[in-house]
């Protein structure tokens, strides 16, 4: 099934109660699909460089963690209606996340980065900047309450 207008979906989360699949897309949107029939029911804007997604069925919030240093919080008003309720500043490169369903906390990981190398190498063809030793961090995001 297509997730258009979402391009390059890289992260997913699921709402089994309403049969919804959340796809975090490198094109800067999260596509929400009905996984029974394959239709995209909504898209919402998210940050750049998404790699993580989550869904909290109690709070009815979906999350996208983004390399641009943001966590997008998306509220489910109904199975077909969604809106961005908050963009939380995290840290550059904080694109991976975990959701604790018991506490509703979001954990985003990152580190500080050095300068990007001037040239590509076989070991680093995308010229990713090196991680500064000892700079790994875990950010804890508390739920914001009712929307």
N, C-alpha and C. Protein backbone atom coordinates (compact mmCIF):
# COMPACT_ATOMS: atom_id res chain seq x y z
N UNK A 1 0.82 -1.20 0.00
CA UNK A 1 0.00 0.00 0.00
C UNK A 1 0.85 1.25 0.00
N UNK A 2 0.39 2.25 -0.66
CA UNK A 2 1.10 3.52 -0.74
C UNK A 2 0.90 4.33 0.54
N UNK A 3 1.94 5.07 0.91
CA UNK A 3 1.82 6.00 2.02
C UNK A 3 1.86 7.45 1.52
N UNK A 4 1.71 7.65 0.20
CA UNK A 4 1.75 8.99 -0.39
C UNK A 4 0.74 9.90 0.31
N UNK A 5 1.13 11.13 0.60
CA UNK A 5 2.29 11.88 0.13
C UNK A 5 3.58 11.64 0.93
N UNK A 6 3.55 10.73 1.85
CA UNK A 6 4.75 10.37 2.61
C UNK A 6 5.76 9.74 1.66
N UNK A 7 7.00 10.22 1.75
CA UNK A 7 8.09 9.62 0.96
C UNK A 7 9.15 9.11 1.92
N UNK A 8 9.68 7.94 1.64
CA UNK A 8 10.74 7.33 2.42
C UNK A 8 10.34 7.11 3.88
N UNK A 9 9.31 6.29 4.12
CA UNK A 9 8.94 5.98 5.51
C UNK A 9 10.04 5.15 6.18
N UNK A 10 10.46 5.58 7.37
CA UNK A 10 11.57 4.90 8.05
C UNK A 10 11.23 4.45 9.47
N UNK A 11 10.13 4.93 10.03
CA UNK A 11 9.77 4.51 11.39
C UNK A 11 8.26 4.27 11.43
N UNK A 12 7.87 3.36 12.32
CA UNK A 12 6.45 3.04 12.41
C UNK A 12 6.03 2.83 13.86
N UNK A 13 4.76 3.12 14.11
CA UNK A 13 4.11 2.82 15.38
C UNK A 13 2.70 2.37 15.03
N UNK A 14 2.03 1.74 16.00
CA UNK A 14 0.73 1.15 15.68
C UNK A 14 -0.29 1.43 16.78
N UNK A 15 -1.52 1.67 16.34
CA UNK A 15 -2.69 1.78 17.22
C UNK A 15 -3.59 0.61 16.85
N UNK A 16 -3.52 -0.46 17.63
CA UNK A 16 -4.28 -1.67 17.30
C UNK A 16 -5.77 -1.50 17.54
N UNK A 17 -6.14 -0.67 18.50
CA UNK A 17 -7.57 -0.48 18.79
C UNK A 17 -8.32 0.11 17.59
N UNK A 18 -7.69 1.08 16.91
CA UNK A 18 -8.34 1.74 15.79
C UNK A 18 -7.77 1.32 14.43
N UNK A 19 -6.90 0.31 14.42
CA UNK A 19 -6.27 -0.19 13.19
C UNK A 19 -5.57 0.92 12.41
N UNK A 20 -4.72 1.68 13.12
CA UNK A 20 -3.98 2.77 12.49
C UNK A 20 -2.48 2.50 12.57
N UNK A 21 -1.80 2.79 11.46
CA UNK A 21 -0.36 2.66 11.37
C UNK A 21 0.22 4.05 11.16
N UNK A 22 1.17 4.43 12.01
CA UNK A 22 1.83 5.73 11.94
C UNK A 22 3.18 5.53 11.26
N UNK A 23 3.40 6.21 10.14
CA UNK A 23 4.66 6.09 9.40
C UNK A 23 5.39 7.42 9.44
N UNK A 24 6.57 7.43 10.07
CA UNK A 24 7.41 8.62 10.08
C UNK A 24 8.20 8.66 8.79
N UNK A 25 8.11 9.76 8.06
CA UNK A 25 8.65 9.83 6.71
C UNK A 25 9.72 10.90 6.59
N UNK A 26 10.78 10.58 5.87
CA UNK A 26 11.88 11.53 5.68
C UNK A 26 11.45 12.74 4.86
N UNK A 27 10.26 12.71 4.28
CA UNK A 27 9.75 13.87 3.54
C UNK A 27 9.12 14.90 4.47
N UNK A 28 9.24 14.71 5.79
CA UNK A 28 8.77 15.72 6.74
C UNK A 28 7.32 15.60 7.15
N UNK A 29 6.73 14.42 6.98
CA UNK A 29 5.36 14.20 7.44
C UNK A 29 5.27 12.86 8.15
N UNK A 30 4.24 12.73 8.96
CA UNK A 30 3.84 11.43 9.47
C UNK A 30 2.54 11.09 8.76
N UNK A 31 2.50 9.93 8.13
CA UNK A 31 1.29 9.46 7.46
C UNK A 31 0.59 8.48 8.39
N UNK A 32 -0.71 8.66 8.55
CA UNK A 32 -1.50 7.75 9.38
C UNK A 32 -2.41 6.98 8.43
N UNK A 33 -2.27 5.65 8.46
CA UNK A 33 -3.00 4.79 7.54
C UNK A 33 -3.94 3.86 8.29
N UNK A 34 -5.05 3.53 7.64
CA UNK A 34 -5.94 2.47 8.10
C UNK A 34 -5.30 1.17 7.61
N UNK A 35 -4.78 0.37 8.53
CA UNK A 35 -4.04 -0.82 8.07
C UNK A 35 -4.95 -1.96 7.64
N UNK A 36 -6.25 -1.82 7.78
CA UNK A 36 -7.18 -2.84 7.26
C UNK A 36 -7.39 -2.67 5.76
N UNK A 37 -7.51 -1.40 5.31
CA UNK A 37 -7.79 -1.20 3.89
C UNK A 37 -6.68 -0.46 3.14
N UNK A 38 -5.64 -0.02 3.86
CA UNK A 38 -4.48 0.58 3.21
C UNK A 38 -4.59 2.04 2.83
N UNK A 39 -5.64 2.72 3.25
CA UNK A 39 -5.77 4.13 2.89
C UNK A 39 -5.09 5.03 3.91
N UNK A 40 -4.49 6.10 3.41
CA UNK A 40 -3.93 7.13 4.28
C UNK A 40 -5.09 8.01 4.72
N UNK A 41 -5.31 8.10 6.03
CA UNK A 41 -6.44 8.89 6.55
C UNK A 41 -6.03 10.29 6.95
N UNK A 42 -4.72 10.50 7.19
CA UNK A 42 -4.25 11.83 7.59
C UNK A 42 -2.74 11.91 7.43
N UNK A 43 -2.25 13.12 7.25
CA UNK A 43 -0.81 13.40 7.33
C UNK A 43 -0.64 14.65 8.17
N UNK A 44 0.45 14.69 8.93
CA UNK A 44 0.77 15.86 9.74
C UNK A 44 2.25 16.17 9.58
N UNK A 45 2.63 17.45 9.68
CA UNK A 45 4.04 17.81 9.55
C UNK A 45 4.84 17.38 10.78
N UNK A 46 6.07 16.94 10.54
CA UNK A 46 6.99 16.58 11.62
C UNK A 46 8.34 17.22 11.31
N UNK A 47 9.30 17.04 12.21
CA UNK A 47 10.64 17.59 12.01
C UNK A 47 11.41 16.85 10.92
N UNK A 48 12.63 17.31 10.69
CA UNK A 48 13.49 16.77 9.63
C UNK A 48 14.34 15.63 10.18
N UNK A 49 14.46 14.56 9.41
CA UNK A 49 15.34 13.45 9.76
C UNK A 49 14.75 12.48 10.77
N UNK A 50 13.47 12.19 10.64
CA UNK A 50 12.82 11.25 11.57
C UNK A 50 13.48 9.88 11.52
N UNK A 51 13.57 9.24 12.66
CA UNK A 51 14.03 7.85 12.74
C UNK A 51 13.22 7.07 13.76
N UNK A 52 12.53 7.75 14.67
CA UNK A 52 11.78 7.06 15.71
C UNK A 52 10.31 7.46 15.69
N UNK A 53 9.46 6.51 16.06
CA UNK A 53 8.03 6.78 16.17
C UNK A 53 7.47 5.98 17.33
N UNK A 54 6.41 6.49 17.92
CA UNK A 54 5.74 5.79 19.00
C UNK A 54 4.29 6.22 19.07
N UNK A 55 3.49 5.41 19.76
CA UNK A 55 2.08 5.74 19.97
C UNK A 55 1.71 5.32 21.37
N UNK A 56 1.08 6.24 22.11
CA UNK A 56 0.60 5.98 23.46
C UNK A 56 -0.92 5.86 23.40
N UNK A 57 -1.47 4.64 23.54
CA UNK A 57 -2.92 4.46 23.40
C UNK A 57 -3.73 5.07 24.53
N UNK A 58 -3.13 5.29 25.68
CA UNK A 58 -3.86 5.90 26.80
C UNK A 58 -4.01 7.41 26.56
N UNK A 59 -2.92 8.08 26.22
CA UNK A 59 -2.96 9.52 25.96
C UNK A 59 -3.46 9.84 24.55
N UNK A 60 -3.46 8.83 23.67
CA UNK A 60 -3.82 8.98 22.26
C UNK A 60 -2.90 9.99 21.57
N UNK A 61 -1.60 9.85 21.88
CA UNK A 61 -0.58 10.70 21.26
C UNK A 61 0.38 9.84 20.46
N UNK A 62 0.74 10.34 19.28
CA UNK A 62 1.79 9.73 18.47
C UNK A 62 3.01 10.64 18.55
N UNK A 63 4.19 10.06 18.35
CA UNK A 63 5.43 10.81 18.50
C UNK A 63 6.35 10.52 17.32
N UNK A 64 7.10 11.55 16.92
CA UNK A 64 8.15 11.40 15.92
C UNK A 64 9.40 12.06 16.48
N UNK A 65 10.49 11.30 16.62
CA UNK A 65 11.76 11.88 17.06
C UNK A 65 12.62 12.14 15.83
N UNK A 66 13.18 13.34 15.78
CA UNK A 66 13.77 13.85 14.54
C UNK A 66 15.21 14.31 14.75
N UNK A 67 16.04 14.08 13.75
CA UNK A 67 17.46 14.44 13.83
C UNK A 67 17.68 15.94 13.94
N UNK A 68 16.68 16.74 13.57
CA UNK A 68 16.84 18.20 13.67
C UNK A 68 16.74 18.70 15.11
N UNK A 69 16.60 17.78 16.06
CA UNK A 69 16.55 18.18 17.47
C UNK A 69 15.15 18.47 17.96
N UNK A 70 14.16 17.81 17.36
CA UNK A 70 12.78 18.00 17.81
C UNK A 70 12.09 16.65 18.02
N UNK A 71 11.10 16.69 18.88
CA UNK A 71 10.17 15.58 19.07
C UNK A 71 8.79 16.14 18.77
N UNK A 72 8.14 15.62 17.74
CA UNK A 72 6.81 16.09 17.37
C UNK A 72 5.78 15.27 18.12
N UNK A 73 4.85 15.95 18.81
CA UNK A 73 3.77 15.30 19.56
C UNK A 73 2.48 15.54 18.78
N UNK A 74 1.82 14.45 18.41
CA UNK A 74 0.63 14.49 17.56
C UNK A 74 -0.52 13.86 18.33
N UNK A 75 -1.61 14.60 18.50
CA UNK A 75 -2.75 14.06 19.24
C UNK A 75 -3.79 13.48 18.28
N UNK A 76 -4.36 12.35 18.68
CA UNK A 76 -5.42 11.69 17.93
C UNK A 76 -6.76 12.17 18.48
N UNK A 77 -7.43 13.07 17.75
CA UNK A 77 -8.76 13.53 18.16
C UNK A 77 -9.81 12.47 17.89
N UNK A 78 -9.63 11.75 16.80
CA UNK A 78 -10.47 10.61 16.43
C UNK A 78 -9.59 9.72 15.55
N UNK A 79 -10.04 8.52 15.20
CA UNK A 79 -9.18 7.66 14.37
C UNK A 79 -8.77 8.27 13.02
N UNK A 80 -9.50 9.28 12.56
CA UNK A 80 -9.17 9.91 11.28
C UNK A 80 -8.76 11.38 11.40
N UNK A 81 -8.61 11.89 12.62
CA UNK A 81 -8.29 13.30 12.83
C UNK A 81 -7.12 13.44 13.80
N UNK A 82 -6.06 14.15 13.35
CA UNK A 82 -4.82 14.29 14.11
C UNK A 82 -4.33 15.72 14.01
N UNK A 83 -3.64 16.17 15.06
CA UNK A 83 -3.06 17.52 15.04
C UNK A 83 -1.79 17.55 15.87
N UNK A 84 -0.85 18.37 15.43
CA UNK A 84 0.38 18.57 16.19
C UNK A 84 0.03 19.44 17.39
N UNK A 85 0.34 18.95 18.59
CA UNK A 85 0.04 19.71 19.81
C UNK A 85 1.29 20.30 20.44
N UNK A 86 2.46 19.78 20.07
CA UNK A 86 3.68 20.31 20.65
C UNK A 86 4.87 19.86 19.81
N UNK A 87 5.85 20.75 19.72
CA UNK A 87 7.15 20.40 19.16
C UNK A 87 8.16 20.65 20.27
N UNK A 88 8.70 19.57 20.81
CA UNK A 88 9.63 19.64 21.94
C UNK A 88 11.05 19.73 21.40
N UNK A 89 11.83 20.68 21.90
CA UNK A 89 13.24 20.77 21.53
C UNK A 89 13.99 19.68 22.29
N UNK A 90 14.77 18.89 21.56
CA UNK A 90 15.57 17.83 22.19
C UNK A 90 17.04 18.16 21.98
N UNK A 91 17.72 17.47 21.09
CA UNK A 91 19.12 17.75 20.77
C UNK A 91 19.38 17.34 19.34
N UNK A 92 20.28 18.05 18.66
CA UNK A 92 20.66 17.66 17.30
C UNK A 92 21.01 16.18 17.30
N UNK A 93 20.50 15.47 16.33
CA UNK A 93 20.79 14.05 16.20
C UNK A 93 19.91 13.16 17.06
N UNK A 94 18.99 13.74 17.84
CA UNK A 94 18.12 12.96 18.73
C UNK A 94 16.97 12.33 17.97
N UNK A 95 17.29 11.40 17.11
CA UNK A 95 16.26 10.83 16.23
C UNK A 95 15.77 9.46 16.67
N UNK A 96 16.33 8.89 17.71
CA UNK A 96 15.87 7.59 18.20
C UNK A 96 15.17 7.77 19.53
N UNK A 97 14.11 7.01 19.74
CA UNK A 97 13.30 7.20 20.94
C UNK A 97 12.74 5.88 21.44
N UNK A 98 12.31 5.92 22.68
CA UNK A 98 11.58 4.82 23.28
C UNK A 98 10.44 5.40 24.09
N UNK A 99 9.35 4.66 24.21
CA UNK A 99 8.17 5.08 24.94
C UNK A 99 7.91 4.07 26.05
N UNK A 100 7.79 4.57 27.28
CA UNK A 100 7.44 3.71 28.41
C UNK A 100 5.93 3.76 28.58
N UNK A 101 5.20 2.68 28.27
CA UNK A 101 3.74 2.72 28.34
C UNK A 101 3.21 2.86 29.76
N UNK A 102 3.99 2.52 30.77
CA UNK A 102 3.53 2.63 32.15
C UNK A 102 3.58 4.07 32.66
N UNK A 103 4.64 4.80 32.32
CA UNK A 103 4.80 6.18 32.80
C UNK A 103 4.45 7.22 31.75
N UNK A 104 4.32 6.80 30.50
CA UNK A 104 4.04 7.67 29.35
C UNK A 104 5.22 8.58 29.03
N UNK A 105 6.38 8.31 29.59
CA UNK A 105 7.58 9.10 29.30
C UNK A 105 8.18 8.66 27.96
N UNK A 106 8.77 9.65 27.30
CA UNK A 106 9.50 9.41 26.06
C UNK A 106 10.98 9.58 26.38
N UNK A 107 11.79 8.67 25.88
CA UNK A 107 13.24 8.73 26.04
C UNK A 107 13.86 8.95 24.67
N UNK A 108 14.61 10.03 24.53
CA UNK A 108 15.28 10.37 23.28
C UNK A 108 16.78 10.35 23.55
N UNK A 109 17.53 9.69 22.68
CA UNK A 109 18.98 9.61 22.87
C UNK A 109 19.71 10.42 21.81
N UNK A 110 20.85 10.96 22.20
CA UNK A 110 21.71 11.69 21.28
C UNK A 110 23.10 11.79 21.89
N UNK A 111 23.92 12.59 21.26
CA UNK A 111 25.28 12.86 21.72
C UNK A 111 25.72 14.17 21.07
N UNK A 112 26.85 14.67 21.50
CA UNK A 112 27.43 15.83 20.82
C UNK A 112 28.27 15.30 19.67
N UNK A 113 28.34 16.11 18.62
CA UNK A 113 29.05 15.70 17.41
C UNK A 113 30.17 16.67 17.09
N UNK A 114 31.25 16.13 16.57
CA UNK A 114 32.36 16.95 16.10
C UNK A 114 32.07 17.43 14.69
N UNK A 115 33.04 18.12 14.07
CA UNK A 115 32.83 18.61 12.71
C UNK A 115 32.78 17.45 11.71
N UNK A 116 31.97 17.63 10.69
CA UNK A 116 31.87 16.62 9.63
C UNK A 116 33.18 16.58 8.85
N UNK A 117 33.60 15.40 8.43
CA UNK A 117 34.83 15.31 7.63
C UNK A 117 34.65 16.00 6.28
N UNK A 118 35.73 16.54 5.76
CA UNK A 118 35.67 17.26 4.49
C UNK A 118 35.41 16.33 3.31
N UNK A 119 35.93 15.10 3.40
CA UNK A 119 35.83 14.17 2.28
C UNK A 119 35.16 12.87 2.71
N UNK A 120 34.52 12.22 1.75
CA UNK A 120 33.94 10.90 1.98
C UNK A 120 35.05 9.86 2.01
N UNK A 121 34.81 8.80 2.77
CA UNK A 121 35.73 7.66 2.78
C UNK A 121 34.90 6.40 2.63
N UNK A 122 35.56 5.29 2.40
CA UNK A 122 34.83 4.02 2.31
C UNK A 122 34.13 3.71 3.63
N UNK A 123 34.76 4.06 4.73
CA UNK A 123 34.17 3.81 6.05
C UNK A 123 33.10 4.83 6.41
N UNK A 124 33.13 6.01 5.78
CA UNK A 124 32.17 7.07 6.10
C UNK A 124 31.75 7.78 4.81
N UNK A 125 31.02 7.07 3.93
CA UNK A 125 30.68 7.66 2.63
C UNK A 125 29.72 8.84 2.73
N UNK A 126 28.95 8.95 3.82
CA UNK A 126 27.99 10.04 3.95
C UNK A 126 28.56 11.24 4.72
N UNK A 127 29.84 11.15 5.10
CA UNK A 127 30.53 12.23 5.82
C UNK A 127 29.82 12.58 7.13
N UNK A 128 29.43 11.57 7.86
CA UNK A 128 28.79 11.82 9.15
C UNK A 128 29.82 12.34 10.15
N UNK A 129 29.42 13.32 10.95
CA UNK A 129 30.36 13.84 11.95
C UNK A 129 30.59 12.81 13.05
N UNK A 130 31.78 12.81 13.64
CA UNK A 130 32.05 11.85 14.71
C UNK A 130 31.36 12.25 16.01
N UNK A 131 31.03 11.26 16.81
CA UNK A 131 30.47 11.51 18.14
C UNK A 131 31.60 11.90 19.08
N UNK A 132 31.37 12.93 19.87
CA UNK A 132 32.35 13.36 20.86
C UNK A 132 32.34 12.34 21.99
N UNK A 133 33.49 11.73 22.30
CA UNK A 133 33.54 10.72 23.37
C UNK A 133 32.98 11.27 24.70
N UNK A 134 32.20 10.43 25.37
CA UNK A 134 31.64 10.79 26.67
C UNK A 134 30.46 11.73 26.63
N UNK A 135 29.91 12.00 25.44
CA UNK A 135 28.82 12.97 25.34
C UNK A 135 27.43 12.34 25.16
N UNK A 136 27.34 11.02 25.20
CA UNK A 136 26.04 10.35 25.06
C UNK A 136 25.08 10.89 26.11
N UNK A 137 23.83 11.12 25.71
CA UNK A 137 22.82 11.63 26.64
C UNK A 137 21.47 10.99 26.38
N UNK A 138 20.68 10.89 27.44
CA UNK A 138 19.30 10.44 27.35
C UNK A 138 18.43 11.57 27.87
N UNK A 139 17.51 12.04 27.03
CA UNK A 139 16.57 13.08 27.43
C UNK A 139 15.24 12.42 27.77
N UNK A 140 14.64 12.84 28.86
CA UNK A 140 13.36 12.29 29.31
C UNK A 140 12.30 13.36 29.10
N UNK A 141 11.27 13.02 28.34
CA UNK A 141 10.18 13.94 28.06
C UNK A 141 8.95 13.44 28.79
N UNK A 142 8.43 14.27 29.69
CA UNK A 142 7.23 13.94 30.45
C UNK A 142 6.00 14.25 29.61
N UNK A 143 4.91 13.51 29.79
CA UNK A 143 3.68 13.82 29.05
C UNK A 143 3.15 15.19 29.45
N UNK A 144 2.50 15.86 28.49
CA UNK A 144 2.02 17.23 28.73
C UNK A 144 0.62 17.28 29.32
N UNK A 145 -0.05 16.17 29.46
CA UNK A 145 -1.41 16.18 30.01
C UNK A 145 -2.45 16.21 28.92
N UNK A 146 -3.64 16.63 29.28
CA UNK A 146 -4.74 16.62 28.31
C UNK A 146 -4.57 17.73 27.30
N UNK A 147 -5.09 17.49 26.10
CA UNK A 147 -4.94 18.45 25.01
C UNK A 147 -6.26 19.12 24.80
